[in-house]
């Protein structure tokens, strides 16, 4: 009986540790400069459970590694939206967008053109 209980405990423990708690995700986030990069990454990293966040200025791709037990993609998207940046097909509120620096107004074609020069 002791051997059976020991085997069960070992199997349960091994199964628990074998679960992959880190998930990877990527999404498109609008922005134009290094200040946007810092703001987007900070919004993600301030979300409980996010372990890694990097945003590429040229491709607008945000790559994430997060603990699925503590957060999810929707929660992370809400944080980025609250920081004033549009996420894929969801736009940040006008109030949140108004908080970004003038040089970060990615919805303004002139600002985008200035960053492309």
C-alpha atoms as a PDB file:
ATOM      1  CA  UNK A   1       0.000   0.000   0.000  1.00  0.00           C
ATOM      2  CA  UNK A   2       2.855   2.404   0.804  1.00  0.00           C
ATOM      3  CA  UNK A   3       4.390   1.769  -2.620  1.00  0.00           C
ATOM      4  CA  UNK A   4       1.124   2.606  -4.396  1.00  0.00           C
ATOM      5  CA  UNK A   5       0.701   5.849  -2.453  1.00  0.00           C
ATOM      6  CA  UNK A   6       4.330   6.786  -3.112  1.00  0.00           C
ATOM      7  CA  UNK A   7       3.937   6.107  -6.840  1.00  0.00           C
ATOM      8  CA  UNK A   8       0.741   8.190  -6.955  1.00  0.00           C
ATOM      9  CA  UNK A   9       2.414  11.105  -5.180  1.00  0.00           C
ATOM     10  CA  UNK A  10       5.372  10.961  -7.576  1.00  0.00           C
ATOM     11  CA  UNK A  11       3.063  10.880 -10.607  1.00  0.00           C
ATOM     12  CA  UNK A  12       0.937  13.776  -9.358  1.00  0.00           C
ATOM     13  CA  UNK A  13       4.027  15.831  -8.553  1.00  0.00           C
ATOM     14  CA  UNK A  14       5.594  15.108 -11.936  1.00  0.00           C
ATOM     15  CA  UNK A  15       2.385  16.061 -13.733  1.00  0.00           C
ATOM     16  CA  UNK A  16       2.119  19.303 -11.804  1.00  0.00           C
ATOM     17  CA  UNK A  17       5.678  20.355 -12.597  1.00  0.00           C
ATOM     18  CA  UNK A  18       5.365  19.276 -16.233  1.00  0.00           C
ATOM     19  CA  UNK A  19       2.654  21.863 -16.969  1.00  0.00           C
ATOM     20  CA  UNK A  20       3.841  24.751 -19.083  1.00  0.00           C
ATOM     21  CA  UNK A  21       2.794  27.842 -17.183  1.00  0.00           C
ATOM     22  CA  UNK A  22       4.501  30.241 -19.594  1.00  0.00           C
ATOM     23  CA  UNK A  23       2.551  31.175 -22.693  1.00  0.00           C
ATOM     24  CA  UNK A  24       3.762  33.144 -25.683  1.00  0.00           C
ATOM     25  CA  UNK A  25       1.721  35.622 -27.661  1.00  0.00           C
ATOM     26  CA  UNK A  26       2.212  38.383 -30.165  1.00  0.00           C
ATOM     27  CA  UNK A  27      -0.015  41.175 -31.362  1.00  0.00           C
ATOM     28  CA  UNK A  28       0.100  44.346 -33.400  1.00  0.00           C
ATOM     29  CA  UNK A  29       0.270  47.593 -31.404  1.00  0.00           C
ATOM     30  CA  UNK A  30       0.346  51.052 -32.978  1.00  0.00           C
ATOM     31  CA  UNK A  31       3.127  53.486 -32.128  1.00  0.00           C
ATOM     32  CA  UNK A  32       5.924  55.410 -33.817  1.00  0.00           C
ATOM     33  CA  UNK A  33       9.002  55.896 -31.646  1.00  0.00           C
ATOM     34  CA  UNK A  34      11.193  54.863 -28.741  1.00  0.00           C
ATOM     35  CA  UNK A  35       8.939  56.644 -26.261  1.00  0.00           C
ATOM     36  CA  UNK A  36       6.029  54.543 -27.532  1.00  0.00           C
ATOM     37  CA  UNK A  37       8.169  51.424 -27.155  1.00  0.00           C
ATOM     38  CA  UNK A  38       8.952  52.264 -23.541  1.00  0.00           C
ATOM     39  CA  UNK A  39       5.301  53.068 -22.738  1.00  0.00           C
ATOM     40  CA  UNK A  40       3.940  49.889 -24.387  1.00  0.00           C
ATOM     41  CA  UNK A  41       6.492  47.602 -22.754  1.00  0.00           C
ATOM     42  CA  UNK A  42       6.007  49.239 -19.351  1.00  0.00           C
ATOM     43  CA  UNK A  43       2.234  48.803 -19.576  1.00  0.00           C
ATOM     44  CA  UNK A  44       2.744  45.105 -20.272  1.00  0.00           C
ATOM     45  CA  UNK A  45       5.407  44.505 -17.646  1.00  0.00           C
ATOM     46  CA  UNK A  46       3.265  46.230 -15.004  1.00  0.00           C
ATOM     47  CA  UNK A  47       0.600  43.592 -15.635  1.00  0.00           C
ATOM     48  CA  UNK A  48       0.838  40.818 -13.050  1.00  0.00           C
ATOM     49  CA  UNK A  49       2.087  37.633 -14.696  1.00  0.00           C
ATOM     50  CA  UNK A  50       3.864  39.217 -17.664  1.00  0.00           C
ATOM     51  CA  UNK A  51       7.475  38.058 -17.688  1.00  0.00           C
ATOM     52  CA  UNK A  52       8.717  39.468 -20.997  1.00  0.00           C
ATOM     53  CA  UNK A  53       7.489  42.144 -23.381  1.00  0.00           C
ATOM     54  CA  UNK A  54       9.225  43.672 -26.375  1.00  0.00           C
ATOM     55  CA  UNK A  55       7.719  45.904 -29.041  1.00  0.00           C
ATOM     56  CA  UNK A  56       9.330  46.393 -32.457  1.00  0.00           C
ATOM     57  CA  UNK A  57       9.083  49.968 -33.781  1.00  0.00           C
ATOM     58  CA  UNK A  58       9.283  48.975 -37.460  1.00  0.00           C
ATOM     59  CA  UNK A  59       6.902  45.999 -37.510  1.00  0.00           C
ATOM     60  CA  UNK A  60       4.642  47.171 -34.618  1.00  0.00           C
ATOM     61  CA  UNK A  61       4.757  43.625 -33.271  1.00  0.00           C
ATOM     62  CA  UNK A  62       4.544  43.124 -29.517  1.00  0.00           C
ATOM     63  CA  UNK A  63       5.961  39.812 -28.317  1.00  0.00           C
ATOM     64  CA  UNK A  64       4.999  38.536 -24.872  1.00  0.00           C
ATOM     65  CA  UNK A  65       5.758  35.753 -22.439  1.00  0.00           C
ATOM     66  CA  UNK A  66       3.315  35.540 -19.558  1.00  0.00           C
ATOM     67  CA  UNK A  67       2.081  33.187 -16.862  1.00  0.00           C
ATOM     68  CA  UNK A  68      -1.310  31.845 -17.984  1.00  0.00           C
ATOM     69  CA  UNK A  69      -2.300  31.252 -14.374  1.00  0.00           C
ATOM     70  CA  UNK A  70      -2.030  34.958 -13.540  1.00  0.00           C
ATOM     71  CA  UNK A  71      -3.126  36.824 -16.676  1.00  0.00           C
ATOM     72  CA  UNK A  72      -4.316  36.489 -20.252  1.00  0.00           C
ATOM     73  CA  UNK A  73      -3.987  38.300 -23.581  1.00  0.00           C
ATOM     74  CA  UNK A  74      -7.197  40.280 -23.072  1.00  0.00           C
ATOM     75  CA  UNK A  75      -5.946  41.714 -19.767  1.00  0.00           C
ATOM     76  CA  UNK A  76      -2.625  42.679 -21.332  1.00  0.00           C
ATOM     77  CA  UNK A  77      -4.437  44.319 -24.257  1.00  0.00           C
ATOM     78  CA  UNK A  78      -6.523  46.370 -21.818  1.00  0.00           C
ATOM     79  CA  UNK A  79      -3.330  47.662 -20.180  1.00  0.00           C
ATOM     80  CA  UNK A  80      -1.868  48.676 -23.545  1.00  0.00           C
ATOM     81  CA  UNK A  81      -5.133  50.381 -24.525  1.00  0.00           C
ATOM     82  CA  UNK A  82      -5.161  52.236 -21.196  1.00  0.00           C
ATOM     83  CA  UNK A  83      -1.639  53.474 -22.006  1.00  0.00           C
ATOM     84  CA  UNK A  84      -3.066  55.076 -25.163  1.00  0.00           C
ATOM     85  CA  UNK A  85      -2.019  52.630 -27.873  1.00  0.00           C
ATOM     86  CA  UNK A  86      -4.312  50.873 -30.339  1.00  0.00           C
ATOM     87  CA  UNK A  87      -4.155  47.080 -30.332  1.00  0.00           C
ATOM     88  CA  UNK A  88      -4.889  45.164 -33.542  1.00  0.00           C
ATOM     89  CA  UNK A  89      -8.556  45.945 -34.251  1.00  0.00           C
ATOM     90  CA  UNK A  90      -9.328  47.738 -30.957  1.00  0.00           C
ATOM     91  CA  UNK A  91      -8.719  51.461 -30.591  1.00  0.00           C
ATOM     92  CA  UNK A  92      -7.677  53.136 -27.365  1.00  0.00           C
ATOM     93  CA  UNK A  93     -10.164  55.619 -25.974  1.00  0.00           C
ATOM     94  CA  UNK A  94      -9.723  59.248 -26.976  1.00  0.00           C
ATOM     95  CA  UNK A  95      -8.909  60.065 -23.342  1.00  0.00           C
ATOM     96  CA  UNK A  96      -6.147  57.447 -23.201  1.00  0.00           C
ATOM     97  CA  UNK A  97      -4.775  58.503 -26.605  1.00  0.00           C
ATOM     98  CA  UNK A  98      -4.685  62.130 -25.452  1.00  0.00           C
ATOM     99  CA  UNK A  99      -2.205  61.169 -22.714  1.00  0.00           C
ATOM    100  CA  UNK A 100       0.545  60.132 -25.149  1.00  0.00           C
ATOM    101  CA  UNK A 101       3.254  62.689 -25.926  1.00  0.00           C
ATOM    102  CA  UNK A 102       2.730  64.924 -28.976  1.00  0.00           C
ATOM    103  CA  UNK A 103       5.536  63.196 -30.905  1.00  0.00           C
ATOM    104  CA  UNK A 104       3.789  59.853 -30.270  1.00  0.00           C
ATOM    105  CA  UNK A 105       0.450  60.737 -31.922  1.00  0.00           C
ATOM    106  CA  UNK A 106       0.543  57.735 -34.259  1.00  0.00           C
ATOM    107  CA  UNK A 107      -2.952  58.492 -35.629  1.00  0.00           C
ATOM    108  CA  UNK A 108      -1.658  61.795 -37.075  1.00  0.00           C
ATOM    109  CA  UNK A 109      -0.216  61.280 -40.570  1.00  0.00           C
ATOM    110  CA  UNK A 110       2.174  64.236 -40.188  1.00  0.00           C
ATOM    111  CA  UNK A 111       3.712  62.738 -37.029  1.00  0.00           C
ATOM    112  CA  UNK A 112       4.090  59.363 -38.734  1.00  0.00           C
ATOM    113  CA  UNK A 113       5.710  61.023 -41.769  1.00  0.00           C
ATOM    114  CA  UNK A 114       8.099  62.938 -39.491  1.00  0.00           C
ATOM    115  CA  UNK A 115       9.239  59.665 -37.910  1.00  0.00           C
ATOM    116  CA  UNK A 116       9.725  58.026 -41.320  1.00  0.00           C
ATOM    117  CA  UNK A 117      12.101  60.769 -42.500  1.00  0.00           C
END
